[in-house]
């Protein structure tokens, strides 16, 4: 299998971003380049497209996929937290549209060889950027049971976090935990069979939590939410897709702050701060994939889309 990934809610993303010929647009997590290709098609031939991804394989795939639009495409194997620096380097002071899809790609799960999943027995790696220092094996074998339990609970919302961390500690005292299936079996063995989830593998939440921790995903998202809206021109649009409840809550809260403006305490009779709204919400309620899309692409089932426009 080559680099394969189906981008979620492509029609909805295009509708909310509304890219036009000549626009400057960003895909901060280019992945399989599905959203990127649709954007490039809309802004061609005088537009400017900037694509980011921490995964070098994703960037190489995007380079091939977007080759018909090559003169207006610039791709960076980098973390989106470095967007302000890159835009300054390119002498771009504002963009018309930006999409951020926070999901993991089908390629990373099935073909990357980095242990994102237990479907194959792979090294316990989980780095989006294969050149980064910290791996999932480092966390699993070096952190205290208390810190591991915190990661499983806080990032994976795992009910059995302490019990799983204790089982990991017992196992690694015998020999290091190096492979994805080895860890999956330890996790499954730690959860009582009567309490194991029916729709997902018992280790799913633990693997997600480790991936988030290895790649500092929530920290990076917090950084992006702080500066990202400020990169938009007036009338610029931001579309974000989350697959995890923690991510979606962060996005929802930040978007609400940007659309509210006033930061006065609620008991103030009138606004004293004078702070005006920076954005208007394009999605009053979260947008989710249709049942038809979920049937065609089961990886879309957890996707939640929110969008805003800069005022």
C-alpha atoms as a PDB file:
ATOM      1  CA  UNK A   1       0.000   0.000   0.000  1.00  0.00           C
ATOM      2  CA  UNK A   2       1.338   3.444  -0.981  1.00  0.00           C
ATOM      3  CA  UNK A   3       0.506   6.566   1.002  1.00  0.00           C
ATOM      4  CA  UNK A   4      -3.246   6.184   1.340  1.00  0.00           C
ATOM      5  CA  UNK A   5      -5.590   8.348   3.350  1.00  0.00           C
ATOM      6  CA  UNK A   6      -9.146   9.561   2.801  1.00  0.00           C
ATOM      7  CA  UNK A   7      -9.660  13.140   3.976  1.00  0.00           C
ATOM      8  CA  UNK A   8     -12.780  13.612   6.089  1.00  0.00           C
ATOM      9  CA  UNK A   9     -15.705  15.899   5.234  1.00  0.00           C
ATOM     10  CA  UNK A  10     -14.078  17.268   2.039  1.00  0.00           C
ATOM     11  CA  UNK A  11     -17.232  19.050   0.838  1.00  0.00           C
ATOM     12  CA  UNK A  12     -17.815  20.672   4.216  1.00  0.00           C
ATOM     13  CA  UNK A  13     -14.199  21.866   4.458  1.00  0.00           C
ATOM     14  CA  UNK A  14     -14.411  23.443   0.997  1.00  0.00           C
ATOM     15  CA  UNK A  15     -17.721  25.096   1.848  1.00  0.00           C
ATOM     16  CA  UNK A  16     -16.450  26.693   5.056  1.00  0.00           C
ATOM     17  CA  UNK A  17     -13.018  27.656   3.694  1.00  0.00           C
ATOM     18  CA  UNK A  18     -14.484  28.974   0.432  1.00  0.00           C
ATOM     19  CA  UNK A  19     -11.081  29.268  -1.320  1.00  0.00           C
ATOM     20  CA  UNK A  20     -11.061  31.575  -4.370  1.00  0.00           C
ATOM     21  CA  UNK A  21      -8.659  32.055  -7.306  1.00  0.00           C
ATOM     22  CA  UNK A  22      -5.598  33.983  -6.135  1.00  0.00           C
ATOM     23  CA  UNK A  23      -6.065  33.233  -2.415  1.00  0.00           C
ATOM     24  CA  UNK A  24      -3.235  32.370  -0.043  1.00  0.00           C
ATOM     25  CA  UNK A  25      -4.124  29.182   1.831  1.00  0.00           C
ATOM     26  CA  UNK A  26      -2.543  26.873   4.416  1.00  0.00           C
ATOM     27  CA  UNK A  27      -3.037  23.199   5.164  1.00  0.00           C
ATOM     28  CA  UNK A  28      -1.279  22.842   8.520  1.00  0.00           C
ATOM     29  CA  UNK A  29      -1.546  19.029   8.594  1.00  0.00           C
ATOM     30  CA  UNK A  30      -1.414  17.980   4.962  1.00  0.00           C
ATOM     31  CA  UNK A  31      -1.673  14.197   5.512  1.00  0.00           C
ATOM     32  CA  UNK A  32      -2.986  12.503   2.386  1.00  0.00           C
ATOM     33  CA  UNK A  33      -3.355  15.890   0.624  1.00  0.00           C
ATOM     34  CA  UNK A  34      -7.075  15.440  -0.063  1.00  0.00           C
ATOM     35  CA  UNK A  35      -8.055  18.832   1.339  1.00  0.00           C
ATOM     36  CA  UNK A  36      -4.892  20.354  -0.135  1.00  0.00           C
ATOM     37  CA  UNK A  37      -5.698  19.176  -3.661  1.00  0.00           C
ATOM     38  CA  UNK A  38      -9.216  20.623  -3.508  1.00  0.00           C
ATOM     39  CA  UNK A  39      -7.857  23.935  -2.216  1.00  0.00           C
ATOM     40  CA  UNK A  40      -5.173  24.122  -4.913  1.00  0.00           C
ATOM     41  CA  UNK A  41      -7.758  23.423  -7.582  1.00  0.00           C
ATOM     42  CA  UNK A  42      -9.835  26.346  -6.285  1.00  0.00           C
ATOM     43  CA  UNK A  43      -7.045  28.926  -6.009  1.00  0.00           C
ATOM     44  CA  UNK A  44      -5.154  27.976  -9.213  1.00  0.00           C
ATOM     45  CA  UNK A  45      -3.346  29.500 -11.078  1.00  0.00           C
ATOM     46  CA  UNK A  46      -2.435  32.698  -9.206  1.00  0.00           C
ATOM     47  CA  UNK A  47      -2.952  31.513  -5.641  1.00  0.00           C
ATOM     48  CA  UNK A  48      -0.379  30.499  -3.072  1.00  0.00           C
ATOM     49  CA  UNK A  49      -0.555  27.257  -1.101  1.00  0.00           C
ATOM     50  CA  UNK A  50       1.565  26.389   1.953  1.00  0.00           C
ATOM     51  CA  UNK A  51       1.452  22.842   3.316  1.00  0.00           C
ATOM     52  CA  UNK A  52       2.843  21.526   6.600  1.00  0.00           C
ATOM     53  CA  UNK A  53       3.280  18.064   8.043  1.00  0.00           C
ATOM     54  CA  UNK A  54       5.602  16.538  10.613  1.00  0.00           C
ATOM     55  CA  UNK A  55       5.647  13.271   8.662  1.00  0.00           C
ATOM     56  CA  UNK A  56       8.208  13.319   5.838  1.00  0.00           C
ATOM     57  CA  UNK A  57       6.276  10.584   3.998  1.00  0.00           C
ATOM     58  CA  UNK A  58       3.187  12.832   3.934  1.00  0.00           C
ATOM     59  CA  UNK A  59       5.200  15.701   2.456  1.00  0.00           C
ATOM     60  CA  UNK A  60       6.685  13.490  -0.269  1.00  0.00           C
ATOM     61  CA  UNK A  61       3.230  12.147  -1.125  1.00  0.00           C
ATOM     62  CA  UNK A  62       1.828  15.699  -1.234  1.00  0.00           C
ATOM     63  CA  UNK A  63       4.669  16.775  -3.520  1.00  0.00           C
ATOM     64  CA  UNK A  64       3.575  14.148  -6.055  1.00  0.00           C
ATOM     65  CA  UNK A  65      -0.164  14.702  -5.596  1.00  0.00           C
ATOM     66  CA  UNK A  66       0.091  18.482  -5.968  1.00  0.00           C
ATOM     67  CA  UNK A  67       2.612  18.423  -8.827  1.00  0.00           C
ATOM     68  CA  UNK A  68       0.086  19.898 -11.333  1.00  0.00           C
ATOM     69  CA  UNK A  69       0.031  23.014  -9.123  1.00  0.00           C
ATOM     70  CA  UNK A  70       3.779  23.004  -8.334  1.00  0.00           C
ATOM     71  CA  UNK A  71       4.568  26.687  -9.116  1.00  0.00           C
ATOM     72  CA  UNK A  72       2.219  27.926  -6.395  1.00  0.00           C
ATOM     73  CA  UNK A  73       2.885  25.176  -3.811  1.00  0.00           C
ATOM     74  CA  UNK A  74       5.397  25.328  -0.959  1.00  0.00           C
ATOM     75  CA  UNK A  75       5.674  22.344   1.367  1.00  0.00           C
ATOM     76  CA  UNK A  76       7.390  22.124   4.746  1.00  0.00           C
ATOM     77  CA  UNK A  77       8.294  19.019   6.741  1.00  0.00           C
ATOM     78  CA  UNK A  78       7.684  20.877   9.980  1.00  0.00           C
ATOM     79  CA  UNK A  79       5.395  21.283  12.968  1.00  0.00           C
ATOM     80  CA  UNK A  80       2.592  23.827  12.571  1.00  0.00           C
ATOM     81  CA  UNK A  81       3.777  25.581  15.729  1.00  0.00           C
ATOM     82  CA  UNK A  82       6.462  27.074  13.465  1.00  0.00           C
ATOM     83  CA  UNK A  83       3.911  28.647  11.113  1.00  0.00           C
ATOM     84  CA  UNK A  84       4.605  32.267  12.171  1.00  0.00           C
ATOM     85  CA  UNK A  85       8.332  31.883  11.503  1.00  0.00           C
ATOM     86  CA  UNK A  86       7.782  30.247   8.100  1.00  0.00           C
ATOM     87  CA  UNK A  87       5.225  32.857   7.003  1.00  0.00           C
ATOM     88  CA  UNK A  88       7.589  35.634   8.045  1.00  0.00           C
ATOM     89  CA  UNK A  89      10.342  33.962   6.023  1.00  0.00           C
ATOM     90  CA  UNK A  90       8.002  33.865   3.008  1.00  0.00           C
ATOM     91  CA  UNK A  91       7.037  37.518   3.581  1.00  0.00           C
ATOM     92  CA  UNK A  92       3.356  36.582   4.012  1.00  0.00           C
ATOM     93  CA  UNK A  93       1.522  38.798   6.515  1.00  0.00           C
ATOM     94  CA  UNK A  94      -1.888  37.141   6.333  1.00  0.00           C
ATOM     95  CA  UNK A  95      -3.735  34.209   4.777  1.00  0.00           C
ATOM     96  CA  UNK A  96      -7.207  33.792   3.331  1.00  0.00           C
ATOM     97  CA  UNK A  97      -7.899  30.274   4.571  1.00  0.00           C
ATOM     98  CA  UNK A  98      -6.374  27.615   6.810  1.00  0.00           C
ATOM     99  CA  UNK A  99      -7.413  24.030   7.486  1.00  0.00           C
ATOM    100  CA  UNK A 100      -6.126  21.910  10.365  1.00  0.00           C
ATOM    101  CA  UNK A 101      -7.051  18.212  10.379  1.00  0.00           C
ATOM    102  CA  UNK A 102      -5.792  16.742  13.661  1.00  0.00           C
ATOM    103  CA  UNK A 103      -6.403  13.098  12.753  1.00  0.00           C
ATOM    104  CA  UNK A 104      -3.888  10.348  12.145  1.00  0.00           C
ATOM    105  CA  UNK A 105      -3.657   9.004   8.595  1.00  0.00           C
ATOM    106  CA  UNK A 106      -4.498   5.503   7.414  1.00  0.00           C
ATOM    107  CA  UNK A 107      -0.947   5.266   6.080  1.00  0.00           C
ATOM    108  CA  UNK A 108       0.533   5.972   9.509  1.00  0.00           C
ATOM    109  CA  UNK A 109      -1.630   3.269  11.026  1.00  0.00           C
ATOM    110  CA  UNK A 110      -1.064   0.581   8.409  1.00  0.00           C
ATOM    111  CA  UNK A 111       2.197   1.286   6.636  1.00  0.00           C
ATOM    112  CA  UNK A 112       4.484   3.626   8.562  1.00  0.00           C
ATOM    113  CA  UNK A 113       6.004   0.839  10.680  1.00  0.00           C
ATOM    114  CA  UNK A 114       5.953   3.083  13.764  1.00  0.00           C
ATOM    115  CA  UNK A 115       3.554   1.193  15.997  1.00  0.00           C
ATOM    116  CA  UNK A 116       0.628   3.609  15.885  1.00  0.00           C
ATOM    117  CA  UNK A 117      -1.631   0.559  15.872  1.00  0.00           C
ATOM    118  CA  UNK A 118      -1.589  -3.009  17.128  1.00  0.00           C
ATOM    119  CA  UNK A 119      -2.947  -4.336  13.823  1.00  0.00           C
ATOM    120  CA  UNK A 120       0.645  -5.233  12.954  1.00  0.00           C
ATOM    121  CA  UNK A 121       3.482  -6.049  15.360  1.00  0.00           C
ATOM    122  CA  UNK A 122       5.736  -3.013  14.957  1.00  0.00           C
ATOM    123  CA  UNK A 123       8.326  -1.164  17.047  1.00  0.00           C
ATOM    124  CA  UNK A 124       6.664   0.957  19.719  1.00  0.00           C
ATOM    125  CA  UNK A 125       7.562   4.299  18.178  1.00  0.00           C
ATOM    126  CA  UNK A 126       4.528   6.562  17.459  1.00  0.00           C
ATOM    127  CA  UNK A 127       6.554   9.611  16.367  1.00  0.00           C
ATOM    128  CA  UNK A 128       4.875  11.760  13.717  1.00  0.00           C
ATOM    129  CA  UNK A 129       8.333  13.065  12.920  1.00  0.00           C
ATOM    130  CA  UNK A 130      10.626  10.046  12.722  1.00  0.00           C
ATOM    131  CA  UNK A 131      13.611  12.303  13.507  1.00  0.00           C
ATOM    132  CA  UNK A 132      12.245  13.320  16.922  1.00  0.00           C
ATOM    133  CA  UNK A 133      13.984  11.969  20.013  1.00  0.00           C
ATOM    134  CA  UNK A 134      11.192  10.596  22.203  1.00  0.00           C
ATOM    135  CA  UNK A 135       9.360   7.349  21.326  1.00  0.00           C
ATOM    136  CA  UNK A 136       6.429   5.546  22.890  1.00  0.00           C
ATOM    137  CA  UNK A 137       8.824   2.811  24.034  1.00  0.00           C
ATOM    138  CA  UNK A 138      10.790   5.455  25.948  1.00  0.00           C
ATOM    139  CA  UNK A 139       7.648   6.520  27.816  1.00  0.00           C
ATOM    140  CA  UNK A 140       6.416   3.005  28.483  1.00  0.00           C
ATOM    141  CA  UNK A 141       9.740   1.747  29.797  1.00  0.00           C
ATOM    142  CA  UNK A 142      11.053   4.826  31.626  1.00  0.00           C
ATOM    143  CA  UNK A 143       8.166   6.715  33.202  1.00  0.00           C
ATOM    144  CA  UNK A 144       6.917   5.884  36.678  1.00  0.00           C
ATOM    145  CA  UNK A 145       3.672   3.961  36.929  1.00  0.00           C
ATOM    146  CA  UNK A 146       2.060   7.099  38.379  1.00  0.00           C
ATOM    147  CA  UNK A 147       3.033   9.230  35.372  1.00  0.00           C
ATOM    148  CA  UNK A 148       1.955   6.526  32.935  1.00  0.00           C
ATOM    149  CA  UNK A 149      -1.413   6.275  34.661  1.00  0.00           C
ATOM    150  CA  UNK A 150      -1.746  10.061  34.317  1.00  0.00           C
ATOM    151  CA  UNK A 151      -1.100   9.890  30.573  1.00  0.00           C
ATOM    152  CA  UNK A 152      -3.594   7.055  30.101  1.00  0.00           C
ATOM    153  CA  UNK A 153      -6.219   8.884  32.185  1.00  0.00           C
ATOM    154  CA  UNK A 154      -5.703  12.458  31.004  1.00  0.00           C
ATOM    155  CA  UNK A 155      -5.057  11.870  27.287  1.00  0.00           C
ATOM    156  CA  UNK A 156      -6.919   8.613  26.727  1.00  0.00           C
ATOM    157  CA  UNK A 157      -9.744   9.080  29.253  1.00  0.00           C
ATOM    158  CA  UNK A 158      -9.024   5.490  30.238  1.00  0.00           C
ATOM    159  CA  UNK A 159     -11.037   4.269  33.207  1.00  0.00           C
ATOM    160  CA  UNK A 160      -8.532   1.534  34.081  1.00  0.00           C
ATOM    161  CA  UNK A 161      -5.448   3.762  33.865  1.00  0.00           C
ATOM    162  CA  UNK A 162      -3.906   2.798  37.223  1.00  0.00           C
ATOM    163  CA  UNK A 163      -4.455  -0.896  36.712  1.00  0.00           C
ATOM    164  CA  UNK A 164      -2.956  -0.763  33.202  1.00  0.00           C
ATOM    165  CA  UNK A 165       0.059   1.229  34.416  1.00  0.00           C
ATOM    166  CA  UNK A 166       0.647  -1.357  37.146  1.00  0.00           C
ATOM    167  CA  UNK A 167       0.511  -4.159  34.563  1.00  0.00           C
ATOM    168  CA  UNK A 168       2.995  -2.282  32.365  1.00  0.00           C
ATOM    169  CA  UNK A 169       5.316  -1.872  35.357  1.00  0.00           C
ATOM    170  CA  UNK A 170       5.121  -5.597  36.153  1.00  0.00           C
ATOM    171  CA  UNK A 171       5.833  -6.559  32.535  1.00  0.00           C
ATOM    172  CA  UNK A 172       8.785  -4.223  31.969  1.00  0.00           C
ATOM    173  CA  UNK A 173      10.521  -5.457  35.119  1.00  0.00           C
ATOM    174  CA  UNK A 174      10.831  -8.805  33.352  1.00  0.00           C
ATOM    175  CA  UNK A 175      11.858  -7.420  29.961  1.00  0.00           C
ATOM    176  CA  UNK A 176      11.511  -4.107  28.065  1.00  0.00           C
ATOM    177  CA  UNK A 177       8.278  -3.505  26.169  1.00  0.00           C
ATOM    178  CA  UNK A 178       9.363  -2.907  22.580  1.00  0.00           C
ATOM    179  CA  UNK A 179       6.518  -3.936  20.249  1.00  0.00           C
ATOM    180  CA  UNK A 180       2.983  -2.704  19.679  1.00  0.00           C
ATOM    181  CA  UNK A 181       1.228  -6.064  20.077  1.00  0.00           C
ATOM    182  CA  UNK A 182       3.195  -6.785  23.235  1.00  0.00           C
ATOM    183  CA  UNK A 183       1.812  -3.602  24.776  1.00  0.00           C
ATOM    184  CA  UNK A 184      -1.701  -4.264  23.443  1.00  0.00           C
ATOM    185  CA  UNK A 185      -1.736  -7.693  25.094  1.00  0.00           C
ATOM    186  CA  UNK A 186      -0.561  -6.229  28.415  1.00  0.00           C
ATOM    187  CA  UNK A 187      -3.323  -3.598  28.315  1.00  0.00           C
ATOM    188  CA  UNK A 188      -6.022  -6.096  27.353  1.00  0.00           C
ATOM    189  CA  UNK A 189      -4.897  -8.430  30.134  1.00  0.00           C
ATOM    190  CA  UNK A 190      -5.160  -5.638  32.706  1.00  0.00           C
ATOM    191  CA  UNK A 191      -8.809  -4.812  32.013  1.00  0.00           C
ATOM    192  CA  UNK A 192     -11.452  -7.224  33.341  1.00  0.00           C
ATOM    193  CA  UNK A 193     -13.052  -9.046  30.415  1.00  0.00           C
ATOM    194  CA  UNK A 194     -16.539  -8.072  31.571  1.00  0.00           C
ATOM    195  CA  UNK A 195     -15.526  -4.387  31.397  1.00  0.00           C
ATOM    196  CA  UNK A 196     -13.753  -4.379  28.044  1.00  0.00           C
ATOM    197  CA  UNK A 197     -15.309  -2.168  25.348  1.00  0.00           C
ATOM    198  CA  UNK A 198     -17.266  -3.957  22.656  1.00  0.00           C
ATOM    199  CA  UNK A 199     -16.755  -1.622  19.701  1.00  0.00           C
ATOM    200  CA  UNK A 200     -13.027  -0.946  20.054  1.00  0.00           C
ATOM    201  CA  UNK A 201      -9.946  -2.913  21.087  1.00  0.00           C
ATOM    202  CA  UNK A 202      -9.214  -2.588  24.836  1.00  0.00           C
ATOM    203  CA  UNK A 203      -5.846  -0.954  24.067  1.00  0.00           C
ATOM    204  CA  UNK A 204      -7.224   1.751  21.753  1.00  0.00           C
ATOM    205  CA  UNK A 205      -7.360   4.528  24.358  1.00  0.00           C
ATOM    206  CA  UNK A 206      -3.900   3.722  25.715  1.00  0.00           C
ATOM    207  CA  UNK A 207      -2.354   3.824  22.235  1.00  0.00           C
ATOM    208  CA  UNK A 208      -4.070   7.133  21.515  1.00  0.00           C
ATOM    209  CA  UNK A 209      -2.854   8.570  24.822  1.00  0.00           C
ATOM    210  CA  UNK A 210       0.736   7.520  24.155  1.00  0.00           C
ATOM    211  CA  UNK A 211       0.644   9.007  20.642  1.00  0.00           C
ATOM    212  CA  UNK A 212      -0.640  12.304  22.026  1.00  0.00           C
ATOM    213  CA  UNK A 213       2.084  12.336  24.686  1.00  0.00           C
ATOM    214  CA  UNK A 214       4.925  11.394  22.317  1.00  0.00           C
ATOM    215  CA  UNK A 215       4.004  14.131  19.836  1.00  0.00           C
ATOM    216  CA  UNK A 216       2.917  16.740  22.412  1.00  0.00           C
ATOM    217  CA  UNK A 217      -0.267  17.082  20.403  1.00  0.00           C
ATOM    218  CA  UNK A 218      -2.336  19.008  22.942  1.00  0.00           C
ATOM    219  CA  UNK A 219       0.515  21.429  23.705  1.00  0.00           C
ATOM    220  CA  UNK A 220       0.992  22.074  19.987  1.00  0.00           C
ATOM    221  CA  UNK A 221      -2.757  22.570  19.510  1.00  0.00           C
ATOM    222  CA  UNK A 222      -2.831  25.074  22.379  1.00  0.00           C
ATOM    223  CA  UNK A 223      -0.021  27.030  20.694  1.00  0.00           C
ATOM    224  CA  UNK A 224      -1.822  27.005  17.347  1.00  0.00           C
ATOM    225  CA  UNK A 225      -5.082  28.174  18.911  1.00  0.00           C
ATOM    226  CA  UNK A 226      -3.254  31.084  20.530  1.00  0.00           C
ATOM    227  CA  UNK A 227      -1.636  32.464  17.350  1.00  0.00           C
ATOM    228  CA  UNK A 228      -3.486  30.789  14.446  1.00  0.00           C
ATOM    229  CA  UNK A 229      -6.516  33.108  14.199  1.00  0.00           C
ATOM    230  CA  UNK A 230      -4.147  36.082  14.127  1.00  0.00           C
ATOM    231  CA  UNK A 231      -2.578  34.757  10.923  1.00  0.00           C
ATOM    232  CA  UNK A 232      -5.844  35.266   9.052  1.00  0.00           C
ATOM    233  CA  UNK A 233      -6.592  38.339   6.973  1.00  0.00           C
ATOM    234  CA  UNK A 234      -9.858  40.139   7.623  1.00  0.00           C
ATOM    235  CA  UNK A 235     -12.431  37.769   6.117  1.00  0.00           C
ATOM    236  CA  UNK A 236      -9.992  34.859   6.375  1.00  0.00           C
ATOM    237  CA  UNK A 237     -11.421  31.508   7.397  1.00  0.00           C
ATOM    238  CA  UNK A 238     -10.149  28.813   9.752  1.00  0.00           C
ATOM    239  CA  UNK A 239     -11.477  25.258   9.672  1.00  0.00           C
ATOM    240  CA  UNK A 240     -10.370  22.731  12.316  1.00  0.00           C
ATOM    241  CA  UNK A 241     -11.175  19.020  12.552  1.00  0.00           C
ATOM    242  CA  UNK A 242     -10.687  17.156  15.834  1.00  0.00           C
ATOM    243  CA  UNK A 243     -10.978  13.439  16.525  1.00  0.00           C
ATOM    244  CA  UNK A 244     -10.589  13.513  20.292  1.00  0.00           C
ATOM    245  CA  UNK A 245     -12.911  15.064  22.878  1.00  0.00           C
ATOM    246  CA  UNK A 246     -10.033  16.921  24.555  1.00  0.00           C
ATOM    247  CA  UNK A 247      -9.008  18.525  21.250  1.00  0.00           C
ATOM    248  CA  UNK A 248     -12.570  19.469  20.374  1.00  0.00           C
ATOM    249  CA  UNK A 249     -13.164  21.052  23.793  1.00  0.00           C
ATOM    250  CA  UNK A 250     -10.013  23.174  23.386  1.00  0.00           C
ATOM    251  CA  UNK A 251     -11.123  24.326  19.925  1.00  0.00           C
ATOM    252  CA  UNK A 252     -14.699  25.015  21.033  1.00  0.00           C
ATOM    253  CA  UNK A 253     -13.539  27.064  24.034  1.00  0.00           C
ATOM    254  CA  UNK A 254     -11.044  29.130  22.027  1.00  0.00           C
ATOM    255  CA  UNK A 255     -13.472  29.797  19.174  1.00  0.00           C
ATOM    256  CA  UNK A 256     -16.078  30.923  21.696  1.00  0.00           C
ATOM    257  CA  UNK A 257     -13.572  33.344  23.272  1.00  0.00           C
ATOM    258  CA  UNK A 258     -12.672  34.810  19.868  1.00  0.00           C
ATOM    259  CA  UNK A 259     -16.337  35.320  18.954  1.00  0.00           C
ATOM    260  CA  UNK A 260     -17.306  36.811  22.333  1.00  0.00           C
ATOM    261  CA  UNK A 261     -14.789  39.618  22.590  1.00  0.00           C
ATOM    262  CA  UNK A 262     -15.652  41.018  26.018  1.00  0.00           C
ATOM    263  CA  UNK A 263     -13.670  39.485  28.903  1.00  0.00           C
ATOM    264  CA  UNK A 264     -15.354  41.346  31.754  1.00  0.00           C
ATOM    265  CA  UNK A 265     -16.631  39.298  34.723  1.00  0.00           C
ATOM    266  CA  UNK A 266     -20.227  38.149  34.163  1.00  0.00           C
ATOM    267  CA  UNK A 267     -21.526  40.253  37.070  1.00  0.00           C
ATOM    268  CA  UNK A 268     -20.409  43.547  35.439  1.00  0.00           C
ATOM    269  CA  UNK A 269     -23.531  45.484  34.358  1.00  0.00           C
ATOM    270  CA  UNK A 270     -21.791  46.881  31.260  1.00  0.00           C
ATOM    271  CA  UNK A 271     -18.606  46.074  29.359  1.00  0.00           C
ATOM    272  CA  UNK A 272     -15.580  47.892  30.773  1.00  0.00           C
ATOM    273  CA  UNK A 273     -12.840  46.139  28.804  1.00  0.00           C
ATOM    274  CA  UNK A 274     -13.863  47.374  25.360  1.00  0.00           C
ATOM    275  CA  UNK A 275     -12.552  44.205  23.745  1.00  0.00           C
ATOM    276  CA  UNK A 276     -14.300  43.474  20.448  1.00  0.00           C
ATOM    277  CA  UNK A 277     -14.909  40.052  18.899  1.00  0.00           C
ATOM    278  CA  UNK A 278     -12.031  38.917  16.691  1.00  0.00           C
ATOM    279  CA  UNK A 279     -14.069  36.344  14.763  1.00  0.00           C
ATOM    280  CA  UNK A 280     -17.548  35.129  13.906  1.00  0.00           C
ATOM    281  CA  UNK A 281     -18.427  31.476  14.216  1.00  0.00           C
ATOM    282  CA  UNK A 282     -19.366  29.758  10.961  1.00  0.00           C
ATOM    283  CA  UNK A 283     -20.431  26.648  12.892  1.00  0.00           C
ATOM    284  CA  UNK A 284     -22.776  27.354  15.782  1.00  0.00           C
ATOM    285  CA  UNK A 285     -22.887  23.625  16.404  1.00  0.00           C
ATOM    286  CA  UNK A 286     -20.196  21.088  15.668  1.00  0.00           C
ATOM    287  CA  UNK A 287     -20.328  19.512  12.196  1.00  0.00           C
ATOM    288  CA  UNK A 288     -19.968  15.735  11.953  1.00  0.00           C
ATOM    289  CA  UNK A 289     -19.722  13.345   8.990  1.00  0.00           C
ATOM    290  CA  UNK A 290     -22.839  11.886   7.435  1.00  0.00           C
ATOM    291  CA  UNK A 291     -23.673   8.243   7.968  1.00  0.00           C
ATOM    292  CA  UNK A 292     -22.898   7.659   4.291  1.00  0.00           C
ATOM    293  CA  UNK A 293     -19.373   9.029   4.753  1.00  0.00           C
ATOM    294  CA  UNK A 294     -18.803   6.984   7.909  1.00  0.00           C
ATOM    295  CA  UNK A 295     -19.881   3.819   6.095  1.00  0.00           C
ATOM    296  CA  UNK A 296     -17.460   4.582   3.254  1.00  0.00           C
ATOM    297  CA  UNK A 297     -14.665   5.731   5.590  1.00  0.00           C
ATOM    298  CA  UNK A 298     -14.992   4.377   9.176  1.00  0.00           C
ATOM    299  CA  UNK A 299     -12.008   6.500  10.281  1.00  0.00           C
ATOM    300  CA  UNK A 300     -14.275   9.546   9.920  1.00  0.00           C
ATOM    301  CA  UNK A 301     -16.666   8.463  12.656  1.00  0.00           C
ATOM    302  CA  UNK A 302     -15.092  10.581  15.430  1.00  0.00           C
ATOM    303  CA  UNK A 303     -14.440  13.695  13.349  1.00  0.00           C
ATOM    304  CA  UNK A 304     -15.767  17.047  14.599  1.00  0.00           C
ATOM    305  CA  UNK A 305     -15.451  20.166  12.447  1.00  0.00           C
ATOM    306  CA  UNK A 306     -15.595  23.776  13.633  1.00  0.00           C
ATOM    307  CA  UNK A 307     -14.973  26.914  11.579  1.00  0.00           C
ATOM    308  CA  UNK A 308     -14.753  30.688  12.011  1.00  0.00           C
ATOM    309  CA  UNK A 309     -14.153  33.832   9.957  1.00  0.00           C
ATOM    310  CA  UNK A 310     -11.850  36.675  11.031  1.00  0.00           C
ATOM    311  CA  UNK A 311     -13.594  40.013  11.514  1.00  0.00           C
END
